[in-house]
PDB file of N, CA and C in Angstrom:
ATOM      1  N   MET A   1       0.839  -1.176   0.000  1.00  0.00           N
ATOM      2  CA  MET A   1       0.000   0.000   0.000  1.00  0.00           C
ATOM      3  C   MET A   1       0.884   1.239   0.000  1.00  0.00           C
ATOM      4  N   THR A   2       0.622   2.137  -0.931  1.00  0.00           N
ATOM      5  CA  THR A   2       1.409   3.363  -1.005  1.00  0.00           C
ATOM      6  C   THR A   2       0.693   4.500  -0.289  1.00  0.00           C
ATOM      7  N   THR A   3       1.468   5.364   0.325  1.00  0.00           N
ATOM      8  CA  THR A   3       0.877   6.500   1.022  1.00  0.00           C
ATOM      9  C   THR A   3       1.231   7.822   0.372  1.00  0.00           C
ATOM     10  N   SER A   4       2.079   7.792  -0.650  1.00  0.00           N
ATOM     11  CA  SER A   4       2.419   9.024  -1.339  1.00  0.00           C
ATOM     12  C   SER A   4       1.679   9.083  -2.668  1.00  0.00           C
ATOM     13  N   PRO A   5       1.227  10.292  -3.042  1.00  0.00           N
ATOM     14  CA  PRO A   5       0.468  10.407  -4.288  1.00  0.00           C
ATOM     15  C   PRO A   5       1.340  10.169  -5.508  1.00  0.00           C
ATOM     16  N   SER A   6       0.766   9.565  -6.542  1.00  0.00           N
ATOM     17  CA  SER A   6       1.497   9.373  -7.788  1.00  0.00           C
ATOM     18  C   SER A   6       1.411  10.645  -8.619  1.00  0.00           C
ATOM     19  N   ASP A   7       2.252  10.736  -9.646  1.00  0.00           N
ATOM     20  CA  ASP A   7       2.299  11.939 -10.472  1.00  0.00           C
ATOM     21  C   ASP A   7       0.989  12.206 -11.204  1.00  0.00           C
ATOM     22  N   ASP A   8       0.229  11.168 -11.538  1.00  0.00           N
ATOM     23  CA  ASP A   8      -1.003  11.361 -12.297  1.00  0.00           C
ATOM     24  C   ASP A   8      -2.256  11.426 -11.416  1.00  0.00           C
ATOM     25  N   GLU A   9      -2.089  11.362 -10.115  1.00  0.00           N
ATOM     26  CA  GLU A   9      -3.233  11.411  -9.210  1.00  0.00           C
ATOM     27  C   GLU A   9      -3.690  12.855  -9.016  1.00  0.00           C
ATOM     28  N   PRO A  10      -5.007  13.118  -9.138  1.00  0.00           N
ATOM     29  CA  PRO A  10      -5.487  14.486  -8.928  1.00  0.00           C
ATOM     30  C   PRO A  10      -5.346  14.892  -7.458  1.00  0.00           C
ATOM     31  N   LEU A  11      -4.811  16.074  -7.228  1.00  0.00           N
ATOM     32  CA  LEU A  11      -4.588  16.563  -5.870  1.00  0.00           C
ATOM     33  C   LEU A  11      -5.282  17.898  -5.666  1.00  0.00           C
ATOM     34  N   ALA A  12      -5.909  18.056  -4.516  1.00  0.00           N
ATOM     35  CA  ALA A  12      -6.550  19.317  -4.161  1.00  0.00           C
ATOM     36  C   ALA A  12      -5.501  20.287  -3.642  1.00  0.00           C
ATOM     37  N   ILE A  13      -5.707  21.568  -3.958  1.00  0.00           N
ATOM     38  CA  ILE A  13      -4.831  22.608  -3.417  1.00  0.00           C
ATOM     39  C   ILE A  13      -5.620  23.610  -2.579  1.00  0.00           C
ATOM     40  N   ASP A  14      -6.957  23.603  -2.726  1.00  0.00           N
ATOM     41  CA  ASP A  14      -7.778  24.546  -1.969  1.00  0.00           C
ATOM     42  C   ASP A  14      -9.234  24.093  -2.017  1.00  0.00           C
ATOM     43  N   VAL A  15      -9.988  24.570  -1.045  1.00  0.00           N
ATOM     44  CA  VAL A  15     -11.432  24.327  -1.003  1.00  0.00           C
ATOM     45  C   VAL A  15     -12.109  25.662  -0.741  1.00  0.00           C
ATOM     46  N   LEU A  16     -13.081  25.982  -1.565  1.00  0.00           N
ATOM     47  CA  LEU A  16     -13.861  27.203  -1.397  1.00  0.00           C
ATOM     48  C   LEU A  16     -15.253  26.796  -0.918  1.00  0.00           C
ATOM     49  N   VAL A  17     -15.676  27.355   0.189  1.00  0.00           N
ATOM     50  CA  VAL A  17     -16.938  26.975   0.815  1.00  0.00           C
ATOM     51  C   VAL A  17     -18.025  27.969   0.435  1.00  0.00           C
ATOM     52  N   GLY A  18     -19.104  27.458  -0.148  1.00  0.00           N
ATOM     53  CA  GLY A  18     -20.256  28.280  -0.495  1.00  0.00           C
ATOM     54  C   GLY A  18     -21.475  27.871   0.309  1.00  0.00           C
ATOM     55  N   SER A  19     -22.581  28.511   0.061  1.00  0.00           N
ATOM     56  CA  SER A  19     -23.792  28.206   0.823  1.00  0.00           C
ATOM     57  C   SER A  19     -24.463  26.910   0.373  1.00  0.00           C
ATOM     58  N   ASP A  20     -24.379  26.587  -0.925  1.00  0.00           N
ATOM     59  CA  ASP A  20     -25.027  25.390  -1.457  1.00  0.00           C
ATOM     60  C   ASP A  20     -24.056  24.285  -1.837  1.00  0.00           C
ATOM     61  N   SER A  21     -22.765  24.635  -1.929  1.00  0.00           N
ATOM     62  CA  SER A  21     -21.775  23.678  -2.417  1.00  0.00           C
ATOM     63  C   SER A  21     -20.381  24.105  -1.986  1.00  0.00           C
ATOM     64  N   PHE A  22     -19.417  23.226  -2.275  1.00  0.00           N
ATOM     65  CA  PHE A  22     -18.015  23.582  -2.089  1.00  0.00           C
ATOM     66  C   PHE A  22     -17.283  23.313  -3.392  1.00  0.00           C
ATOM     67  N   ILE A  23     -16.243  24.081  -3.620  1.00  0.00           N
ATOM     68  CA  ILE A  23     -15.452  23.943  -4.839  1.00  0.00           C
ATOM     69  C   ILE A  23     -14.059  23.469  -4.452  1.00  0.00           C
ATOM     70  N   VAL A  24     -13.634  22.395  -5.078  1.00  0.00           N
ATOM     71  CA  VAL A  24     -12.298  21.859  -4.844  1.00  0.00           C
ATOM     72  C   VAL A  24     -11.428  22.297  -6.007  1.00  0.00           C
ATOM     73  N   ARG A  25     -10.387  23.059  -5.707  1.00  0.00           N
ATOM     74  CA  ARG A  25      -9.424  23.481  -6.731  1.00  0.00           C
ATOM     75  C   ARG A  25      -8.325  22.436  -6.792  1.00  0.00           C
ATOM     76  N   LEU A  26      -8.067  21.926  -7.995  1.00  0.00           N
ATOM     77  CA  LEU A  26      -7.072  20.876  -8.188  1.00  0.00           C
ATOM     78  C   LEU A  26      -5.754  21.458  -8.692  1.00  0.00           C
ATOM     79  N   ALA A  27      -4.678  20.754  -8.401  1.00  0.00           N
ATOM     80  CA  ALA A  27      -3.333  21.199  -8.773  1.00  0.00           C
ATOM     81  C   ALA A  27      -3.159  21.314 -10.286  1.00  0.00           C
ATOM     82  N   ASP A  28      -3.934  20.556 -11.054  1.00  0.00           N
ATOM     83  CA  ASP A  28      -3.798  20.585 -12.516  1.00  0.00           C
ATOM     84  C   ASP A  28      -4.625  21.695 -13.171  1.00  0.00           C
ATOM     85  N   GLY A  29      -5.253  22.550 -12.351  1.00  0.00           N
ATOM     86  CA  GLY A  29      -6.011  23.678 -12.889  1.00  0.00           C
ATOM     87  C   GLY A  29      -7.507  23.474 -12.951  1.00  0.00           C
ATOM     88  N   ARG A  30      -7.963  22.256 -12.777  1.00  0.00           N
ATOM     89  CA  ARG A  30      -9.403  22.002 -12.792  1.00  0.00           C
ATOM     90  C   ARG A  30     -10.021  22.406 -11.467  1.00  0.00           C
ATOM     91  N   SER A  31     -11.347  22.598 -11.488  1.00  0.00           N
ATOM     92  CA  SER A  31     -12.124  22.832 -10.276  1.00  0.00           C
ATOM     93  C   SER A  31     -13.326  21.901 -10.300  1.00  0.00           C
ATOM     94  N   LEU A  32     -13.698  21.442  -9.142  1.00  0.00           N
ATOM     95  CA  LEU A  32     -14.815  20.518  -9.007  1.00  0.00           C
ATOM     96  C   LEU A  32     -15.817  21.112  -8.026  1.00  0.00           C
ATOM     97  N   CYS A  33     -17.045  21.328  -8.483  1.00  0.00           N
ATOM     98  CA  CYS A  33     -18.097  21.884  -7.639  1.00  0.00           C
ATOM     99  C   CYS A  33     -18.963  20.733  -7.126  1.00  0.00           C
ATOM    100  N   VAL A  34     -19.100  20.652  -5.796  1.00  0.00           N
ATOM    101  CA  VAL A  34     -19.813  19.536  -5.170  1.00  0.00           C
ATOM    102  C   VAL A  34     -20.904  20.083  -4.252  1.00  0.00           C
ATOM    103  N   PRO A  35     -22.160  19.711  -4.474  1.00  0.00           N
ATOM    104  CA  PRO A  35     -23.229  20.169  -3.580  1.00  0.00           C
ATOM    105  C   PRO A  35     -23.092  19.522  -2.198  1.00  0.00           C
ATOM    106  N   TRP A  36     -23.433  20.281  -1.166  1.00  0.00           N
ATOM    107  CA  TRP A  36     -23.354  19.742   0.203  1.00  0.00           C
ATOM    108  C   TRP A  36     -24.204  18.495   0.361  1.00  0.00           C
ATOM    109  N   ASP A  37     -25.301  18.410  -0.393  1.00  0.00           N
ATOM    110  CA  ASP A  37     -26.206  17.264  -0.287  1.00  0.00           C
ATOM    111  C   ASP A  37     -25.574  15.947  -0.703  1.00  0.00           C
ATOM    112  N   TRP A  38     -24.426  15.973  -1.368  1.00  0.00           N
ATOM    113  CA  TRP A  38     -23.750  14.732  -1.750  1.00  0.00           C
ATOM    114  C   TRP A  38     -23.215  13.986  -0.541  1.00  0.00           C
ATOM    115  N   SER A  39     -23.060  14.682   0.558  1.00  0.00           N
ATOM    116  CA  SER A  39     -22.579  14.059   1.793  1.00  0.00           C
ATOM    117  C   SER A  39     -23.611  14.299   2.888  1.00  0.00           C
ATOM    118  N   ARG A  40     -24.138  13.244   3.420  1.00  0.00           N
ATOM    119  CA  ARG A  40     -25.148  13.362   4.475  1.00  0.00           C
ATOM    120  C   ARG A  40     -24.611  14.166   5.654  1.00  0.00           C
ATOM    121  N   ARG A  41     -23.383  13.893   6.057  1.00  0.00           N
ATOM    122  CA  ARG A  41     -22.810  14.594   7.208  1.00  0.00           C
ATOM    123  C   ARG A  41     -22.571  16.069   6.916  1.00  0.00           C
ATOM    124  N   LEU A  42     -22.074  16.379   5.731  1.00  0.00           N
ATOM    125  CA  LEU A  42     -21.833  17.773   5.403  1.00  0.00           C
ATOM    126  C   LEU A  42     -23.134  18.525   5.170  1.00  0.00           C
ATOM    127  N   ALA A  43     -24.151  17.846   4.662  1.00  0.00           N
ATOM    128  CA  ALA A  43     -25.463  18.488   4.482  1.00  0.00           C
ATOM    129  C   ALA A  43     -26.043  18.908   5.826  1.00  0.00           C
ATOM    130  N   LYS A  44     -25.769  18.142   6.865  1.00  0.00           N
ATOM    131  CA  LYS A  44     -26.284  18.440   8.203  1.00  0.00           C
ATOM    132  C   LYS A  44     -25.344  19.331   9.018  1.00  0.00           C
ATOM    133  N   ALA A  45     -24.145  19.565   8.521  1.00  0.00           N
ATOM    134  CA  ALA A  45     -23.141  20.334   9.267  1.00  0.00           C
ATOM    135  C   ALA A  45     -23.519  21.813   9.341  1.00  0.00           C
ATOM    136  N   THR A  46     -23.032  22.467  10.375  1.00  0.00           N
ATOM    137  CA  THR A  46     -23.230  23.906  10.510  1.00  0.00           C
ATOM    138  C   THR A  46     -22.289  24.639   9.563  1.00  0.00           C
ATOM    139  N   VAL A  47     -22.547  25.919   9.385  1.00  0.00           N
ATOM    140  CA  VAL A  47     -21.675  26.737   8.541  1.00  0.00           C
ATOM    141  C   VAL A  47     -20.247  26.716   9.087  1.00  0.00           C
ATOM    142  N   ALA A  48     -20.112  26.839  10.391  1.00  0.00           N
ATOM    143  CA  ALA A  48     -18.780  26.818  11.004  1.00  0.00           C
ATOM    144  C   ALA A  48     -18.079  25.483  10.772  1.00  0.00           C
ATOM    145  N   GLN A  49     -18.813  24.380  10.886  1.00  0.00           N
ATOM    146  CA  GLN A  49     -18.225  23.058  10.646  1.00  0.00           C
ATOM    147  C   GLN A  49     -17.784  22.908   9.195  1.00  0.00           C
ATOM    148  N   ARG A  50     -18.552  23.437   8.269  1.00  0.00           N
ATOM    149  CA  ARG A  50     -18.194  23.363   6.850  1.00  0.00           C
ATOM    150  C   ARG A  50     -16.945  24.175   6.540  1.00  0.00           C
ATOM    151  N   HIS A  51     -16.762  25.274   7.229  1.00  0.00           N
ATOM    152  CA  HIS A  51     -15.593  26.124   6.992  1.00  0.00           C
ATOM    153  C   HIS A  51     -14.327  25.564   7.628  1.00  0.00           C
ATOM    154  N   HIS A  52     -14.465  24.621   8.547  1.00  0.00           N
ATOM    155  CA  HIS A  52     -13.295  24.032   9.210  1.00  0.00           C
ATOM    156  C   HIS A  52     -12.909  22.744   8.481  1.00  0.00           C
ATOM    157  N   TRP A  53     -12.103  22.871   7.478  1.00  0.00           N
ATOM    158  CA  TRP A  53     -11.640  21.730   6.670  1.00  0.00           C
ATOM    159  C   TRP A  53     -10.120  21.781   6.602  1.00  0.00           C
ATOM    160  N   ARG A  54      -9.544  20.661   6.156  1.00  0.00           N
ATOM    161  CA  ARG A  54      -8.098  20.622   5.912  1.00  0.00           C
ATOM    162  C   ARG A  54      -7.815  19.578   4.844  1.00  0.00           C
ATOM    163  N   LEU A  55      -6.747  19.826   4.105  1.00  0.00           N
ATOM    164  CA  LEU A  55      -6.308  18.859   3.105  1.00  0.00           C
ATOM    165  C   LEU A  55      -5.520  17.770   3.809  1.00  0.00           C
ATOM    166  N   VAL A  56      -5.688  16.543   3.379  1.00  0.00           N
ATOM    167  CA  VAL A  56      -4.961  15.409   3.954  1.00  0.00           C
ATOM    168  C   VAL A  56      -4.278  14.645   2.824  1.00  0.00           C
ATOM    169  N   GLY A  57      -3.236  13.908   3.183  1.00  0.00           N
ATOM    170  CA  GLY A  57      -2.515  13.100   2.191  1.00  0.00           C
ATOM    171  C   GLY A  57      -1.938  13.930   1.065  1.00  0.00           C
ATOM    172  N   ARG A  58      -1.378  15.090   1.414  1.00  0.00           N
ATOM    173  CA  ARG A  58      -0.784  15.992   0.411  1.00  0.00           C
ATOM    174  C   ARG A  58      -1.778  16.420  -0.660  1.00  0.00           C
ATOM    175  N   GLY A  59      -3.052  16.473  -0.296  1.00  0.00           N
ATOM    176  CA  GLY A  59      -4.086  16.896  -1.234  1.00  0.00           C
ATOM    177  C   GLY A  59      -4.902  15.762  -1.812  1.00  0.00           C
ATOM    178  N   GLN A  60      -4.653  14.546  -1.372  1.00  0.00           N
ATOM    179  CA  GLN A  60      -5.430  13.403  -1.860  1.00  0.00           C
ATOM    180  C   GLN A  60      -6.867  13.434  -1.344  1.00  0.00           C
ATOM    181  N   GLY A  61      -7.076  14.105  -0.228  1.00  0.00           N
ATOM    182  CA  GLY A  61      -8.405  14.145   0.349  1.00  0.00           C
ATOM    183  C   GLY A  61      -8.643  15.414   1.133  1.00  0.00           C
ATOM    184  N   ILE A  62      -9.887  15.555   1.563  1.00  0.00           N
ATOM    185  CA  ILE A  62     -10.319  16.702   2.354  1.00  0.00           C
ATOM    186  C   ILE A  62     -10.994  16.155   3.605  1.00  0.00           C
ATOM    187  N   GLN A  63     -10.668  16.751   4.721  1.00  0.00           N
ATOM    188  CA  GLN A  63     -11.240  16.311   5.996  1.00  0.00           C
ATOM    189  C   GLN A  63     -11.962  17.486   6.647  1.00  0.00           C
ATOM    190  N   TRP A  64     -13.158  17.196   7.155  1.00  0.00           N
ATOM    191  CA  TRP A  64     -13.925  18.124   7.969  1.00  0.00           C
ATOM    192  C   TRP A  64     -14.016  17.496   9.355  1.00  0.00           C
ATOM    193  N   PRO A  65     -13.061  17.779  10.240  1.00  0.00           N
ATOM    194  CA  PRO A  65     -13.007  17.096  11.530  1.00  0.00           C
ATOM    195  C   PRO A  65     -14.228  17.343  12.412  1.00  0.00           C
ATOM    196  N   ASP A  66     -14.786  18.537  12.372  1.00  0.00           N
ATOM    197  CA  ASP A  66     -15.943  18.832  13.217  1.00  0.00           C
ATOM    198  C   ASP A  66     -17.216  18.145  12.737  1.00  0.00           C
ATOM    199  N   ALA A  67     -17.261  17.784  11.463  1.00  0.00           N
ATOM    200  CA  ALA A  67     -18.413  17.078  10.905  1.00  0.00           C
ATOM    201  C   ALA A  67     -18.136  15.581  10.765  1.00  0.00           C
ATOM    202  N   ASP A  68     -16.929  15.148  11.148  1.00  0.00           N
ATOM    203  CA  ASP A  68     -16.509  13.747  11.057  1.00  0.00           C
ATOM    204  C   ASP A  68     -16.662  13.213   9.633  1.00  0.00           C
ATOM    205  N   GLU A  69     -16.147  13.977   8.671  1.00  0.00           N
ATOM    206  CA  GLU A  69     -16.257  13.591   7.263  1.00  0.00           C
ATOM    207  C   GLU A  69     -14.898  13.671   6.586  1.00  0.00           C
ATOM    208  N   ASP A  70     -14.605  12.677   5.767  1.00  0.00           N
ATOM    209  CA  ASP A  70     -13.388  12.608   4.960  1.00  0.00           C
ATOM    210  C   ASP A  70     -13.789  12.217   3.547  1.00  0.00           C
ATOM    211  N   LEU A  71     -13.348  12.993   2.567  1.00  0.00           N
ATOM    212  CA  LEU A  71     -13.645  12.695   1.167  1.00  0.00           C
ATOM    213  C   LEU A  71     -12.346  12.681   0.373  1.00  0.00           C
ATOM    214  N   SER A  72     -12.224  11.734  -0.521  1.00  0.00           N
ATOM    215  CA  SER A  72     -11.038  11.694  -1.379  1.00  0.00           C
ATOM    216  C   SER A  72     -11.335  12.435  -2.679  1.00  0.00           C
ATOM    217  N   VAL A  73     -10.320  13.079  -3.231  1.00  0.00           N
ATOM    218  CA  VAL A  73     -10.460  13.771  -4.505  1.00  0.00           C
ATOM    219  C   VAL A  73     -10.794  12.765  -5.599  1.00  0.00           C
ATOM    220  N   ALA A  74     -10.097  11.651  -5.622  1.00  0.00           N
ATOM    221  CA  ALA A  74     -10.367  10.625  -6.637  1.00  0.00           C
ATOM    222  C   ALA A  74     -11.812  10.131  -6.544  1.00  0.00           C
ATOM    223  N   GLY A  75     -12.304   9.944  -5.328  1.00  0.00           N
ATOM    224  CA  GLY A  75     -13.684   9.508  -5.144  1.00  0.00           C
ATOM    225  C   GLY A  75     -14.683  10.550  -5.620  1.00  0.00           C
ATOM    226  N   LEU A  76     -14.411  11.813  -5.338  1.00  0.00           N
ATOM    227  CA  LEU A  76     -15.294  12.875  -5.825  1.00  0.00           C
ATOM    228  C   LEU A  76     -15.326  12.901  -7.340  1.00  0.00           C
ATOM    229  N   LEU A  77     -14.171  12.735  -7.973  1.00  0.00           N
ATOM    230  CA  LEU A  77     -14.122  12.724  -9.439  1.00  0.00           C
ATOM    231  C   LEU A  77     -14.854  11.526 -10.029  1.00  0.00           C
ATOM    232  N   ARG A  78     -14.872  10.416  -9.321  1.00  0.00           N
ATOM    233  CA  ARG A  78     -15.586   9.218  -9.788  1.00  0.00           C
ATOM    234  C   ARG A  78     -17.059   9.241  -9.408  1.00  0.00           C
ATOM    235  N   GLY A  79     -17.469  10.232  -8.616  1.00  0.00           N
ATOM    236  CA  GLY A  79     -18.872  10.297  -8.185  1.00  0.00           C
ATOM    237  C   GLY A  79     -19.141   9.525  -6.923  1.00  0.00           C
ATOM    238  N   ARG A  80     -18.075   9.088  -6.238  1.00  0.00           N
ATOM    239  CA  ARG A  80     -18.217   8.390  -4.962  1.00  0.00           C
ATOM    240  C   ARG A  80     -18.018   9.415  -3.856  1.00  0.00           C
ATOM    241  N   VAL A  81     -18.970   9.492  -2.990  1.00  0.00           N
ATOM    242  CA  VAL A  81     -18.928  10.549  -1.991  1.00  0.00           C
ATOM    243  C   VAL A  81     -18.199  10.132  -0.735  1.00  0.00           C
ATOM    244  N   ARG A  82     -18.600   9.078  -0.115  1.00  0.00           N
ATOM    245  CA  ARG A  82     -18.097   8.706   1.211  1.00  0.00           C
ATOM    246  C   ARG A  82     -16.871   7.818   1.094  1.00  0.00           C
ATOM    247  N   VAL A  83     -15.871   8.128   1.856  1.00  0.00           N
ATOM    248  CA  VAL A  83     -14.657   7.315   1.931  1.00  0.00           C
ATOM    249  C   VAL A  83     -14.639   6.619   3.280  1.00  0.00           C
ATOM    250  N   THR A  84     -14.441   5.312   3.305  1.00  0.00           N
ATOM    251  CA  THR A  84     -14.380   4.572   4.549  1.00  0.00           C
ATOM    252  C   THR A  84     -13.108   4.925   5.293  1.00  0.00           C
ATOM    253  N   LYS A  85     -13.261   5.220   6.568  1.00  0.00           N
ATOM    254  CA  LYS A  85     -12.086   5.546   7.388  1.00  0.00           C
ATOM    255  C   LYS A  85     -11.368   4.300   7.810  1.00  0.00           C
TER     256      LYS A  85
END
């Protein structure tokens, strides 16, 4: 099992939090807009919980510790929302 991202793996560099969705900015220049409703936990999270996020795995994923949610960039691109911890 590898823990470092490969050269062709999409990596997040930033997350922009909106009222209806969040935007994941990728290192390759793409952006991905994801509605909060795609994640049950994030849909129920408070505004403050949604704003408290961090990149994990050098950008392989996004974590919202206060909402107990972790999403992988690869999973979001494939349309898979929840990542098993």
